[in-house]
Protein backbone atom coordinates (compact mmCIF):
# COMPACT_ATOMS: atom_id res chain seq x y z
CA MET A 1 45.26 -140.77 -79.23
CA LYS A 2 46.63 -142.21 -75.99
CA PRO A 3 46.45 -145.97 -75.42
CA ARG A 4 44.00 -147.13 -72.74
CA VAL A 5 45.40 -149.59 -70.20
CA THR A 6 42.90 -151.64 -68.24
CA PHE A 7 44.10 -153.48 -65.15
CA TYR A 8 41.98 -156.36 -63.83
CA THR A 9 42.91 -157.21 -60.26
CA ARG A 10 41.66 -158.44 -56.89
CA SER A 11 42.60 -157.60 -53.34
CA GLY A 12 45.10 -159.80 -51.57
CA CYS A 13 46.82 -160.82 -54.82
CA CYS A 14 50.61 -160.45 -54.57
CA LEU A 15 51.05 -160.89 -58.35
CA CYS A 16 48.54 -158.07 -58.82
CA ASP A 17 50.49 -155.80 -56.48
CA GLU A 18 53.71 -156.52 -58.36
CA ALA A 19 52.14 -155.94 -61.78
CA LYS A 20 50.48 -152.73 -60.61
CA ARG A 21 53.86 -151.35 -59.49
CA VAL A 22 55.24 -152.00 -62.99
CA VAL A 23 52.27 -150.37 -64.72
CA LEU A 24 52.30 -147.33 -62.46
CA GLU A 25 56.06 -146.94 -62.90
CA ALA A 26 55.49 -147.10 -66.67
CA ARG A 27 53.23 -144.04 -66.36
CA ARG A 28 56.39 -142.04 -65.64
CA ARG A 29 57.81 -143.15 -69.00
CA ALA A 30 54.76 -143.25 -71.26
CA ASP A 31 51.47 -141.40 -71.60
CA PHE A 32 48.40 -143.61 -71.39
CA ASP A 33 44.95 -143.63 -69.85
CA TYR A 34 44.56 -146.04 -66.94
CA GLU A 35 41.56 -147.78 -65.45
CA GLU A 36 41.42 -150.50 -62.82
CA PHE A 37 38.73 -153.04 -61.99
CA ASP A 38 38.43 -155.40 -59.03
CA ILE A 39 37.13 -158.59 -60.66
CA ASP A 40 35.49 -159.70 -57.41
CA ALA A 41 33.11 -156.72 -57.60
CA ASP A 42 31.63 -157.92 -60.91
CA PRO A 43 30.44 -161.51 -61.47
CA GLU A 44 31.14 -161.34 -65.22
CA LEU A 45 34.71 -160.13 -64.71
CA ARG A 46 35.25 -162.80 -62.05
CA ARG A 47 33.98 -165.46 -64.44
CA ARG A 48 36.22 -164.19 -67.22
CA TYR A 49 39.45 -163.53 -65.29
CA ASN A 50 39.26 -165.53 -62.04
CA GLU A 51 42.16 -167.85 -62.87
CA GLU A 52 44.28 -165.26 -64.70
CA VAL A 53 44.66 -162.16 -62.51
CA PRO A 54 46.27 -159.85 -62.89
CA VAL A 55 45.26 -159.20 -66.47
CA ILE A 56 46.41 -156.11 -68.31
CA ALA A 57 44.67 -155.06 -71.49
CA ILE A 58 45.82 -152.37 -73.89
CA ASP A 59 43.04 -150.78 -75.94
CA GLY A 60 40.77 -153.70 -75.04
CA ALA A 61 43.18 -156.46 -76.11
CA LYS A 62 44.66 -158.71 -73.43
CA ALA A 63 48.38 -157.94 -73.36
CA PHE A 64 49.58 -159.64 -70.14
CA LYS A 65 48.39 -162.00 -67.46
CA PHE A 66 50.08 -163.01 -64.21
CA ARG A 67 53.29 -161.02 -64.74
CA VAL A 68 54.25 -157.94 -66.71
CA ASN A 69 57.70 -156.94 -67.90
CA MET A 70 58.40 -153.19 -68.09
CA ALA A 71 60.28 -153.33 -71.41
CA GLU A 72 57.59 -155.48 -73.05
CA PHE A 73 54.82 -153.31 -71.65
CA LEU A 74 56.39 -150.14 -73.03
CA LYS A 75 57.00 -151.83 -76.37
CA LYS A 76 53.35 -152.86 -76.64
CA LEU A 77 52.25 -149.33 -75.70
CA ARG A 78 54.47 -147.82 -78.42
CA ALA A 79 52.96 -150.23 -80.96
CA ARG A 80 49.50 -148.80 -80.14
CA THR A 81 50.39 -145.16 -80.68
């Protein structure tokens, strides 16, 4: 079963843009399902992640916040397969 990567973001966030580039580049190297949520569109997500975006979860578990490293991301994905 493929890992599920969830990306919590907001518009106008330069750290989010940077992290998204890493995650999307990782899709060329690893097979995973991807979903993205704008936390400002959901009051509960904004409450939960307002001070931490971007947040990247793998199979529902928070794996990264603020910055993501490609090698670490791929390592965590491999650990889930």
